Protein backbone atom coordinates (compact mmCIF):
# COMPACT_ATOMS: atom_id res chain seq x y z
CA MET A 1 -46.70 -44.23 -32.22
CA ALA A 2 -49.41 -41.55 -32.28
CA LYS A 3 -51.09 -41.10 -35.63
CA THR A 4 -50.26 -37.82 -37.36
CA PRO A 5 -53.45 -35.74 -37.63
CA LEU A 6 -54.65 -35.10 -41.17
CA THR A 7 -55.31 -31.49 -42.09
CA LEU A 8 -57.36 -32.77 -45.05
CA PRO A 9 -59.09 -35.90 -43.69
CA GLU A 10 -61.29 -36.22 -46.78
CA LEU A 11 -58.26 -37.62 -48.60
CA GLU A 12 -58.56 -40.75 -46.45
CA ALA A 13 -61.38 -41.76 -48.80
CA VAL A 14 -59.09 -41.75 -51.84
CA GLU A 15 -57.35 -44.97 -52.86
CA VAL A 16 -54.71 -45.24 -55.57
CA HIS A 17 -53.50 -48.75 -56.34
CA GLY A 18 -50.69 -49.21 -58.83
CA MET A 19 -47.02 -50.16 -58.95
CA SER A 20 -45.87 -47.48 -61.38
CA ARG A 21 -43.65 -44.64 -60.26
CA GLY A 22 -46.48 -42.28 -61.14
CA ALA A 23 -48.87 -44.08 -58.81
CA PHE A 24 -46.28 -44.03 -56.03
CA LEU A 25 -45.70 -40.29 -56.42
CA THR A 26 -49.44 -39.66 -56.56
CA ARG A 27 -49.91 -41.46 -53.25
CA GLY A 28 -47.10 -39.37 -51.81
CA ALA A 29 -48.63 -36.15 -53.12
CA LEU A 30 -52.03 -37.03 -51.67
CA ALA A 31 -50.45 -37.97 -48.34
CA THR A 32 -48.59 -34.66 -48.29
CA GLY A 33 -51.81 -32.77 -48.91
CA ALA A 34 -53.59 -34.76 -46.24
CA ILE A 35 -50.95 -34.19 -43.58
CA LEU A 36 -49.61 -30.72 -44.28
CA GLY A 37 -52.13 -29.15 -46.66
CA GLY A 38 -52.30 -28.75 -50.43
CA SER A 39 -49.64 -26.04 -50.62
CA ALA A 40 -47.06 -28.54 -49.29
CA VAL A 41 -47.46 -30.82 -52.32
CA GLY A 42 -45.24 -28.69 -54.57
CA PRO A 43 -42.04 -29.10 -52.48
CA PHE A 44 -42.65 -32.86 -52.14
CA VAL A 45 -43.12 -33.29 -55.90
CA ARG A 46 -40.14 -31.08 -56.72
CA ARG A 47 -37.89 -33.17 -54.50
CA ALA A 48 -39.27 -36.45 -55.82
CA VAL A 49 -39.07 -35.71 -59.54
CA ALA A 50 -35.57 -34.24 -59.15
CA GLN A 51 -34.42 -37.77 -58.26
CA GLU A 52 -35.89 -39.28 -61.43
CA THR A 53 -33.66 -40.63 -64.19
CA GLY A 54 -36.29 -40.72 -66.91
CA GLY A 55 -36.62 -36.95 -67.24
CA ASP A 56 -39.69 -35.47 -68.86
CA VAL A 57 -41.33 -38.83 -69.59
CA ASP A 58 -41.34 -39.77 -65.90
CA ILE A 59 -42.72 -36.37 -64.97
CA LEU A 60 -45.42 -36.70 -67.63
CA ASN A 61 -46.35 -40.16 -66.37
CA PHE A 62 -46.78 -38.70 -62.88
CA ALA A 63 -49.00 -35.97 -64.33
CA LEU A 64 -50.88 -38.62 -66.31
CA THR A 65 -51.58 -40.58 -63.13
CA LEU A 66 -52.99 -37.45 -61.50
CA GLU A 67 -55.17 -36.81 -64.52
CA TYR A 68 -56.38 -40.43 -64.52
CA LEU A 69 -57.37 -39.95 -60.89
CA GLU A 70 -59.27 -36.73 -61.56
CA ALA A 71 -60.95 -38.03 -64.70
CA ALA A 72 -62.16 -41.11 -62.80
CA PHE A 73 -63.38 -38.94 -59.91
CA TYR A 74 -65.56 -36.71 -62.07
CA SER A 75 -66.74 -39.59 -64.26
CA ARG A 76 -68.02 -41.39 -61.18
CA ALA A 77 -69.59 -38.19 -59.88
CA VAL A 78 -71.56 -37.88 -63.12
CA SER A 79 -72.75 -41.47 -62.90
CA LYS A 80 -73.40 -41.60 -59.15
CA GLY A 81 -74.22 -38.03 -58.11
CA ARG A 82 -77.98 -38.44 -57.85
CA ASN A 83 -78.25 -36.09 -54.88
CA MET A 84 -76.43 -33.19 -56.55
CA SER A 85 -77.92 -30.05 -58.04
CA ALA A 86 -78.16 -29.55 -61.79
CA GLU A 87 -75.53 -26.80 -61.56
CA THR A 88 -73.06 -29.06 -59.77
CA MET A 89 -73.66 -31.87 -62.26
CA ARG A 90 -73.02 -29.51 -65.18
CA LEU A 91 -69.73 -28.49 -63.59
CA ALA A 92 -68.80 -32.12 -62.94
CA ARG A 93 -69.43 -33.02 -66.60
CA GLU A 94 -67.42 -30.04 -67.84
CA ILE A 95 -64.45 -30.83 -65.61
CA ARG A 96 -64.69 -34.54 -66.50
CA ASP A 97 -64.39 -33.63 -70.18
CA ASN A 98 -61.41 -31.37 -69.44
CA GLU A 99 -59.63 -34.07 -67.44
CA THR A 100 -60.27 -36.68 -70.12
CA ALA A 101 -58.79 -34.32 -72.71
CA HIS A 102 -55.76 -33.82 -70.46
CA VAL A 103 -55.28 -37.60 -70.26
CA ASP A 104 -55.40 -37.91 -74.05
CA ALA A 105 -52.98 -35.02 -74.56
CA ILE A 106 -50.42 -36.33 -72.06
CA VAL A 107 -50.61 -39.86 -73.51
CA GLN A 108 -49.90 -38.50 -76.97
CA THR A 109 -47.03 -36.34 -75.71
CA ILE A 110 -45.39 -39.29 -73.94
CA LYS A 111 -45.63 -41.36 -77.11
CA MET A 112 -44.21 -38.48 -79.16
CA LEU A 113 -41.21 -38.43 -76.82
CA GLY A 114 -40.71 -42.17 -77.36
CA GLY A 115 -41.97 -43.14 -73.92
CA THR A 116 -44.63 -45.55 -72.71
CA PRO A 117 -47.68 -44.08 -70.98
CA VAL A 118 -48.47 -45.71 -67.64
CA ALA A 119 -51.71 -47.62 -67.29
CA ALA A 120 -54.52 -46.05 -65.30
CA PRO A 121 -54.31 -47.06 -61.62
CA THR A 122 -57.21 -48.59 -59.75
CA VAL A 123 -58.79 -45.83 -57.67
CA GLY A 124 -61.50 -45.53 -55.04
CA PHE A 125 -63.30 -42.59 -53.46
CA GLY A 126 -65.35 -44.09 -50.65
CA ASN A 127 -68.83 -42.66 -50.18
CA VAL A 128 -68.09 -39.10 -51.26
CA PHE A 129 -70.76 -39.12 -53.98
CA THR A 130 -73.64 -39.57 -51.54
CA SER A 131 -73.95 -35.80 -51.05
CA GLU A 132 -73.05 -32.63 -52.89
CA ARG A 133 -71.20 -31.33 -49.84
CA THR A 134 -68.79 -34.27 -49.61
CA PHE A 135 -68.27 -34.33 -53.38
CA LEU A 136 -67.36 -30.63 -53.57
CA LYS A 137 -65.10 -30.87 -50.54
CA LEU A 138 -63.03 -33.68 -52.04
CA ALA A 139 -63.12 -32.02 -55.47
CA GLN A 140 -61.54 -28.89 -53.99
CA THR A 141 -58.86 -30.96 -52.27
CA LEU A 142 -58.00 -32.89 -55.44
CA GLU A 143 -57.85 -29.73 -57.56
CA ASP A 144 -55.68 -27.87 -55.05
CA THR A 145 -53.40 -30.89 -54.78
CA GLY A 146 -53.14 -31.17 -58.57
CA VAL A 147 -52.26 -27.50 -59.07
CA SER A 148 -49.58 -27.68 -56.39
CA ALA A 149 -48.19 -30.88 -57.90
CA TYR A 150 -47.88 -29.35 -61.36
CA ASN A 151 -46.17 -26.29 -59.92
CA GLY A 152 -43.77 -28.52 -58.03
CA ALA A 153 -42.85 -30.54 -61.10
CA ALA A 154 -42.44 -27.59 -63.48
CA PRO A 155 -38.86 -26.62 -62.52
CA SER A 156 -37.64 -30.13 -63.41
CA ILE A 157 -39.13 -30.19 -66.92
CA ARG A 158 -36.40 -29.91 -69.56
CA SER A 159 -38.35 -29.50 -72.79
CA ARG A 160 -39.82 -26.06 -73.45
CA ASP A 161 -42.67 -27.66 -75.39
CA VAL A 162 -43.52 -29.97 -72.50
CA LEU A 163 -43.31 -27.05 -70.06
CA ASN A 164 -45.68 -25.01 -72.21
CA ALA A 165 -48.11 -27.93 -72.36
CA ALA A 166 -47.97 -28.43 -68.60
CA GLY A 167 -48.48 -24.70 -68.09
CA SER A 168 -51.59 -24.71 -70.23
CA ILE A 169 -53.01 -27.63 -68.23
CA VAL A 170 -52.26 -26.19 -64.79
CA GLN A 171 -54.03 -22.96 -65.71
CA VAL A 172 -57.21 -24.93 -66.39
CA GLU A 173 -56.74 -26.94 -63.20
CA ALA A 174 -56.49 -23.68 -61.27
CA ARG A 175 -59.76 -22.52 -62.83
CA HIS A 176 -61.33 -25.80 -61.75
CA ALA A 177 -60.12 -25.19 -58.20
CA ALA A 178 -61.55 -21.65 -58.20
CA LEU A 179 -64.92 -22.79 -59.56
CA ILE A 180 -65.19 -25.55 -56.99
CA ARG A 181 -64.36 -23.09 -54.22
CA LEU A 182 -67.05 -20.70 -55.43
CA MET A 183 -69.58 -23.55 -55.47
CA ARG A 184 -68.69 -24.19 -51.82
CA GLY A 185 -68.87 -20.52 -50.87
CA VAL A 186 -65.12 -20.42 -50.25
CA THR A 187 -62.85 -17.55 -51.32
CA PRO A 188 -61.04 -18.64 -54.53
CA ALA A 189 -57.76 -16.85 -53.68
CA PRO A 190 -57.49 -16.14 -49.94
CA SER A 191 -53.81 -15.24 -50.28
CA ALA A 192 -51.69 -13.65 -53.00
CA PHE A 193 -49.10 -16.45 -52.60
CA ASP A 194 -49.18 -20.09 -51.55
CA PRO A 195 -47.06 -20.63 -48.43
CA SER A 196 -43.84 -22.61 -48.82
CA LEU A 197 -42.62 -25.36 -46.52
CA ASP A 198 -39.21 -26.88 -45.92
CA GLN A 199 -38.77 -30.03 -48.06
CA GLN A 200 -37.30 -32.05 -45.21
CA LYS A 201 -40.31 -31.28 -43.04
CA VAL A 202 -42.62 -32.39 -45.83
CA LEU A 203 -40.75 -35.65 -46.45
CA ALA A 204 -40.44 -36.49 -42.76
CA ALA A 205 -44.20 -36.14 -42.33
CA VAL A 206 -45.19 -38.00 -45.49
CA THR A 207 -42.82 -40.98 -45.60
CA PRO A 208 -44.63 -43.14 -42.98
CA PHE A 209 -47.87 -42.82 -44.93
CA VAL A 210 -46.53 -43.81 -48.36
CA ARG A 211 -46.45 -47.47 -49.36
CA ALA A 212 -44.99 -48.89 -52.57
């Protein structure tokens, strides 16, 4: 069978190892972004979380896994990004601190709801920290994927408080995405709306690439 071409091949460098539902959905979201583009992540996540039985806690654990991934990415950039400019390193440290705060806030919210926060998955990013160009390219992909994932999960959130919290996080994630795009010389908002894709098309493309 011919391999499906990846529209975002930089995601091939990302590894997420974990048996939690959050880790599984994160792999699916990343695969969706890699195959069909970041705007396709929302429909995939919306379909996936709609099948959950744990409600808001399961959705929060998925969001927590994404935040773990991003926090680890920027933490490693700060420690390994020796070939990056001072401006890029300042941005990496700022976003790292934001993502770490998001992790702490989601963990506390899950506990407040009586749930158990998932453990951080083991993640890998290949050799993306060897240059500023490869770091910023993957950073943009992760931020775009994260924003789309939050937007996809939002309609399934039942608690108004949890929805408000998720909304406050996704706004910051969108600012991250815009800042990263500006650092790369890319237009922050090339379109007034993200394109939508049929959920069945998304799932058909992603399923062969997702492993439990």
